[in-house]
Amino acid sequence: MKRNIRVGIVQQSCSDNLKLNLEKLHRNIAAVAQAGAQLVVLQELHNMPYFCQTENPAFCDLAEPIPGPSTGFYSETAAACRIVLVTSLFERRAAGLYHNTAVVFDADGSIAGKYRKMHIPDDPAYYEKFYFTPGDIGFEPIETSIGKLGVQVCWDQWYPEGARLMALKGAELLIYPTAIGWESTDAPEEKMRQLEAWITVQRGHAVANGLPVIAVNRVGFEPDPSGMTHGIQFWGNSFVAGPQGEIIAQASSQKEENLVVEIDMERSENVRRWWPFLRDRRIDKFGQLTERFID
């Protein structure tokens, strides 16, 4: 029997007004649910501007416990819209201990599971190591009423190992809430290289694992609060790729945009029969992958 899932992706900009951000998120989630979405995916740290452009201890006040106020809000939203909802929150685990955490809600509003971002960048304008402790849950798919979701977060999307482990544990979709963009002084050709690399590596995860990939990025310009850089122009381009890496749908680089995309969940079975990469893996020869570098 054919099994299709309708996925809603919400690509939007963020202001520094939490109330307005939440109201806009609620409207957009409700809109894609009304259009038939069963699964809705939001971008990374969607409640607020991307505060990691600078190192400021005061921004730690933005962190919340899980469960907490935001999980209550999104639980009610998921239940009201009868959707599975993938969110991205700044988790306060303990005093001075914070995570970048994706929380997944089932269609009844219950928390189906969470994933703590494993790979934490520390680059100009992306000073996440100042705020986030690396995840300690591992790469565990989250069981929901529509299937097993392999959720990771942003910087994780550059690493094939996490995608492969999710696939080996039965994930049916690979999902990446994201916050990535350009520094304004980069040359146009460099900007295009970065964007194409971001899309290509994730399409590669789809191909290598025979699974659809959903990547949802923020959009719009956000200034650097410290004034040390020219801020980030988030490049949008949220997309859904099929299990052969084919682009099923893609948002623009400039606009806030909601998309509802239908995914054929049976296609992965056929693709894995044509391209049996999991069958042919030389697992007896991969032990050195646990090394940092092989001299």
Protein backbone atom coordinates (compact mmCIF):
# COMPACT_ATOMS: atom_id res chain seq x y z
CA MET A 1 0.00 0.00 0.00
CA LYS A 2 1.35 3.42 -0.96
CA ARG A 3 2.51 5.47 2.01
CA ASN A 4 2.96 9.19 1.52
CA ILE A 5 3.74 11.87 4.11
CA ARG A 6 3.02 15.55 3.62
CA VAL A 7 5.79 17.66 5.15
CA GLY A 8 5.50 21.35 5.98
CA ILE A 9 8.63 23.48 6.18
CA VAL A 10 8.62 26.97 7.69
CA GLN A 11 11.41 29.28 6.53
CA GLN A 12 11.22 32.64 8.26
CA SER A 13 13.21 35.56 9.65
CA CYS A 14 13.50 36.38 13.36
CA SER A 15 13.16 39.64 15.25
CA ASP A 16 14.31 40.33 18.80
CA ASN A 17 10.68 40.25 19.98
CA LEU A 18 9.94 36.75 21.31
CA LYS A 19 6.19 37.31 21.43
CA LEU A 20 6.04 38.36 17.78
CA ASN A 21 8.30 35.48 16.71
CA LEU A 22 6.06 32.95 18.46
CA GLU A 23 2.92 34.48 16.96
CA LYS A 24 4.42 34.27 13.47
CA LEU A 25 5.58 30.70 14.04
CA HIS A 26 2.12 29.72 15.22
CA ARG A 27 0.50 31.27 12.14
CA ASN A 28 2.92 29.55 9.78
CA ILE A 29 2.62 26.16 11.50
CA ALA A 30 -1.17 26.42 11.38
CA ALA A 31 -1.04 27.44 7.71
CA VAL A 32 0.97 24.41 6.57
CA ALA A 33 -1.13 22.13 8.77
CA GLN A 34 -4.28 23.54 7.14
CA ALA A 35 -2.67 22.79 3.77
CA GLY A 36 -2.37 19.14 4.75
CA ALA A 37 1.05 18.84 6.42
CA GLN A 38 1.36 15.91 8.83
CA LEU A 39 4.95 16.69 9.78
CA VAL A 40 6.19 20.27 10.27
CA VAL A 41 9.87 21.18 10.59
CA LEU A 42 11.15 24.51 11.93
CA GLN A 43 14.59 26.10 11.57
CA GLU A 44 17.37 26.13 14.17
CA LEU A 45 16.81 28.29 17.30
CA HIS A 46 13.64 29.69 15.75
CA ASN A 47 12.38 31.49 18.86
CA MET A 48 14.98 34.26 18.68
CA PRO A 49 17.72 35.91 16.63
CA TYR A 50 20.89 33.87 16.17
CA PHE A 51 22.66 35.13 19.31
CA CYS A 52 25.86 33.11 18.71
CA GLN A 53 27.32 35.86 16.52
CA THR A 54 28.97 37.14 19.69
CA GLU A 55 30.08 35.77 23.09
CA ASN A 56 27.86 37.30 25.75
CA PRO A 57 27.01 35.49 29.02
CA ALA A 58 23.78 37.47 29.26
CA PHE A 59 22.38 35.52 26.31
CA CYS A 60 22.40 32.40 28.49
CA ASP A 61 19.28 33.90 30.09
CA LEU A 62 17.47 32.89 26.90
CA ALA A 63 17.89 29.18 27.74
CA GLU A 64 14.89 27.23 29.06
CA PRO A 65 14.41 23.90 30.81
CA ILE A 66 12.84 21.01 28.91
CA PRO A 67 9.97 20.70 29.64
CA GLY A 68 9.42 24.44 30.04
CA PRO A 69 7.55 27.42 28.56
CA SER A 70 8.48 26.74 24.93
CA THR A 71 7.73 23.05 25.07
CA GLY A 72 4.34 23.91 26.53
CA PHE A 73 3.66 26.31 23.65
CA TYR A 74 4.72 23.85 20.96
CA SER A 75 2.96 20.94 22.62
CA GLU A 76 -0.32 22.84 22.48
CA THR A 77 0.37 23.88 18.88
CA ALA A 78 1.13 20.34 17.73
CA ALA A 79 -1.98 18.97 19.43
CA ALA A 80 -4.24 21.72 18.09
CA CYS A 81 -2.95 21.23 14.54
CA ARG A 82 -2.71 17.41 14.88
CA ILE A 83 0.82 17.34 13.50
CA VAL A 84 4.22 15.93 14.34
CA LEU A 85 6.37 19.00 15.00
CA VAL A 86 10.18 19.30 14.97
CA THR A 87 11.44 22.28 16.99
CA SER A 88 14.88 23.64 17.94
CA LEU A 89 15.38 25.10 21.41
CA PHE A 90 18.11 26.54 23.67
CA GLU A 91 18.02 24.07 26.55
CA ARG A 92 19.02 24.93 30.11
CA ARG A 93 20.01 21.61 31.64
CA ALA A 94 21.63 23.04 34.78
CA ALA A 95 23.36 26.22 35.88
CA GLY A 96 26.09 26.88 33.32
CA LEU A 97 25.17 23.76 31.30
CA TYR A 98 23.27 24.37 28.08
CA HIS A 99 22.47 22.46 24.90
CA ASN A 100 21.24 23.21 21.41
CA THR A 101 18.33 20.77 21.43
CA ALA A 102 15.76 19.62 18.90
CA VAL A 103 12.49 18.59 20.56
CA VAL A 104 9.96 16.53 18.61
CA PHE A 105 6.26 16.60 19.50
CA ASP A 106 3.79 13.96 18.40
CA ALA A 107 0.36 14.77 17.03
CA ASP A 108 -1.22 14.46 20.49
CA GLY A 109 1.14 17.11 21.88
CA SER A 110 3.35 14.69 23.79
CA ILE A 111 7.14 14.97 23.60
CA ALA A 112 8.18 12.07 21.37
CA GLY A 113 11.87 12.66 22.00
CA LYS A 114 14.76 15.07 21.76
CA TYR A 115 18.18 15.31 20.16
CA ARG A 116 21.07 17.38 21.52
CA LYS A 117 23.33 18.82 18.84
CA MET A 118 26.51 16.75 18.75
CA HIS A 119 28.87 18.86 16.61
CA ILE A 120 29.35 22.38 17.95
CA PRO A 121 31.06 24.95 15.69
CA ASP A 122 33.38 27.74 16.82
CA ASP A 123 33.92 30.02 13.84
CA PRO A 124 33.72 33.78 13.32
CA ALA A 125 30.06 34.78 13.85
CA TYR A 126 29.19 31.20 14.92
CA TYR A 127 30.58 31.08 18.48
CA GLU A 128 28.45 28.16 19.60
CA LYS A 129 31.07 26.51 21.81
CA PHE A 130 30.70 29.48 24.16
CA TYR A 131 27.06 28.52 24.75
CA PHE A 132 26.45 24.86 23.97
CA THR A 133 27.74 21.63 25.48
CA PRO A 134 28.05 18.81 22.91
CA GLY A 135 25.14 16.40 22.98
CA ASP A 136 25.34 13.22 25.02
CA ILE A 137 22.22 11.40 23.81
CA GLY A 138 23.86 10.09 20.66
CA PHE A 139 22.37 9.58 17.22
CA GLU A 140 19.02 8.03 18.13
CA PRO A 141 15.99 8.21 15.81
CA ILE A 142 12.80 9.48 17.42
CA GLU A 143 9.72 7.28 17.09
CA THR A 144 6.55 9.19 16.16
CA SER A 145 3.07 8.37 14.90
CA ILE A 146 4.24 8.96 11.30
CA GLY A 147 7.54 7.06 11.52
CA LYS A 148 11.11 7.19 12.86
CA LEU A 149 12.77 10.58 12.43
CA GLY A 150 16.55 10.98 12.26
CA VAL A 151 16.79 14.53 13.60
CA GLN A 152 20.12 16.37 13.83
CA VAL A 153 20.94 20.10 13.98
CA CYS A 154 22.82 22.38 11.56
CA TRP A 155 26.60 21.73 11.92
CA ASP A 156 25.79 18.02 12.24
CA GLN A 157 24.70 18.12 8.59
CA TRP A 158 28.32 18.24 7.39
CA TYR A 159 29.20 14.86 8.93
CA PRO A 160 28.27 11.61 7.13
CA GLU A 161 28.71 9.51 10.28
CA GLY A 162 25.65 10.90 12.06
CA ALA A 163 23.41 10.39 9.04
CA ARG A 164 24.68 6.83 8.62
CA LEU A 165 24.14 5.96 12.28
CA MET A 166 20.58 7.32 12.12
CA ALA A 167 19.95 5.23 9.01
CA LEU A 168 21.42 2.09 10.57
CA LYS A 169 19.08 2.54 13.53
CA GLY A 170 16.02 2.65 11.30
CA ALA A 171 15.42 6.35 10.65
CA GLU A 172 13.01 6.87 7.75
CA LEU A 173 13.74 10.57 7.26
CA LEU A 174 16.86 12.68 7.91
CA ILE A 175 15.94 16.12 9.27
CA TYR A 176 18.20 19.15 9.83
CA PRO A 177 16.95 22.40 11.42
CA THR A 178 19.56 24.95 10.35
CA ALA A 179 20.89 28.51 10.78
CA ILE A 180 23.50 29.25 8.12
CA GLY A 181 24.26 32.22 5.93
CA TRP A 182 26.79 34.50 4.29
CA GLU A 183 29.11 37.12 5.71
CA SER A 184 28.50 40.21 3.61
CA THR A 185 32.14 40.72 2.60
CA ASP A 186 32.41 37.30 0.90
CA ALA A 187 32.72 37.51 -2.87
CA PRO A 188 29.65 36.38 -4.87
CA GLU A 189 31.46 33.31 -6.23
CA GLU A 190 32.50 32.31 -2.70
CA LYS A 191 28.91 32.66 -1.52
CA MET A 192 27.75 30.33 -4.26
CA ARG A 193 30.45 27.77 -3.42
CA GLN A 194 29.31 27.74 0.21
CA LEU A 195 25.63 27.38 -0.66
CA GLU A 196 26.24 24.63 -3.20
CA ALA A 197 28.45 22.73 -0.75
CA TRP A 198 25.70 22.92 1.90
CA ILE A 199 23.09 21.53 -0.47
CA THR A 200 25.43 18.94 -1.98
CA VAL A 201 26.61 17.38 1.25
CA GLN A 202 23.05 16.83 2.44
CA ARG A 203 21.94 15.43 -0.89
CA GLY A 204 24.90 13.08 -0.44
CA HIS A 205 23.44 11.87 2.86
CA ALA A 206 20.20 11.11 1.03
CA VAL A 207 22.03 9.14 -1.68
CA ALA A 208 24.41 7.28 0.65
CA ASN A 209 21.59 6.16 2.93
CA GLY A 210 18.66 5.89 0.53
CA LEU A 211 16.55 8.26 2.62
CA PRO A 212 14.75 11.57 2.10
CA VAL A 213 16.41 14.64 3.64
CA ILE A 214 14.62 17.72 5.00
CA ALA A 215 16.76 20.82 5.68
CA VAL A 216 15.05 23.98 7.01
CA ASN A 217 17.11 27.16 7.22
CA ARG A 218 16.34 30.64 8.47
CA VAL A 219 16.29 33.63 6.12
CA GLY A 220 16.91 37.36 6.34
CA PHE A 221 19.65 39.63 7.67
CA GLU A 222 20.63 39.63 11.35
CA PRO A 223 23.17 42.22 12.57
CA ASP A 224 26.08 41.31 14.82
CA PRO A 225 25.15 42.62 18.31
CA SER A 226 28.83 43.30 19.05
CA GLY A 227 29.37 45.31 15.86
CA MET A 228 32.57 43.37 15.20
CA THR A 229 31.32 41.92 11.90
CA HIS A 230 28.81 42.97 9.28
CA GLY A 231 26.25 40.42 10.48
CA ILE A 232 24.85 37.37 8.71
CA GLN A 233 22.58 37.18 5.69
CA PHE A 234 20.90 33.82 6.24
CA TRP A 235 20.59 32.17 2.86
CA GLY A 236 17.29 30.30 3.16
CA ASN A 237 17.12 27.67 0.39
CA SER A 238 15.33 25.22 2.69
CA PHE A 239 14.79 22.04 0.71
CA VAL A 240 13.49 18.49 0.59
CA ALA A 241 15.51 15.86 -1.28
CA GLY A 242 14.44 12.34 -2.17
CA PRO A 243 16.43 9.14 -1.51
CA GLN A 244 18.47 9.54 -4.71
CA GLY A 245 19.34 13.11 -3.81
CA GLU A 246 16.74 14.56 -6.18
CA ILE A 247 15.43 17.97 -5.11
CA ILE A 248 11.69 17.65 -4.55
CA ALA A 249 11.15 21.24 -3.37
CA GLN A 250 13.33 24.24 -2.52
CA ALA A 251 12.57 27.63 -0.99
CA SER A 252 14.10 30.92 -2.09
CA SER A 253 17.26 32.56 -0.76
CA GLN A 254 15.57 35.84 0.14
CA LYS A 255 11.95 35.33 1.20
CA GLU A 256 10.06 33.94 4.14
CA GLU A 257 8.29 30.92 2.76
CA ASN A 258 6.09 28.00 3.76
CA LEU A 259 6.15 24.85 1.66
CA VAL A 260 4.10 21.66 1.86
CA VAL A 261 5.83 18.75 0.15
CA GLU A 262 4.63 15.21 -0.42
CA ILE A 263 7.19 12.46 0.16
CA ASP A 264 6.71 8.89 -1.08
CA MET A 265 7.95 6.86 1.87
CA GLU A 266 7.94 3.61 -0.10
CA ARG A 267 10.51 4.94 -2.55
CA SER A 268 13.38 4.35 -0.10
CA GLU A 269 12.75 0.61 -0.23
CA ASN A 270 13.09 0.53 -4.01
CA VAL A 271 16.13 2.81 -4.07
CA ARG A 272 17.92 0.63 -1.54
CA ARG A 273 17.21 -2.40 -3.73
CA TRP A 274 18.74 -0.68 -6.77
CA TRP A 275 21.65 0.78 -4.82
CA PRO A 276 22.28 -1.63 -1.89
CA PHE A 277 24.92 0.44 -0.17
CA LEU A 278 24.01 -0.89 3.27
CA ARG A 279 24.40 -4.46 2.04
CA ASP A 280 27.86 -3.87 0.56
CA ARG A 281 29.46 -1.93 3.40
CA ARG A 282 32.78 -3.41 4.54
CA ILE A 283 32.01 -3.13 8.24
CA ASP A 284 34.99 -5.37 9.00
CA LYS A 285 37.33 -2.63 7.73
CA PHE A 286 35.86 0.52 9.27
CA GLY A 287 37.40 0.36 12.73
CA GLN A 288 39.78 3.24 12.07
CA LEU A 289 36.87 5.65 11.65
CA THR A 290 36.97 6.14 15.43
CA GLU A 291 40.44 7.72 15.13
CA ARG A 292 40.81 11.53 15.00
CA PHE A 293 43.43 11.23 12.25
CA ILE A 294 45.51 8.35 10.88
CA ASP A 295 49.19 9.29 10.71
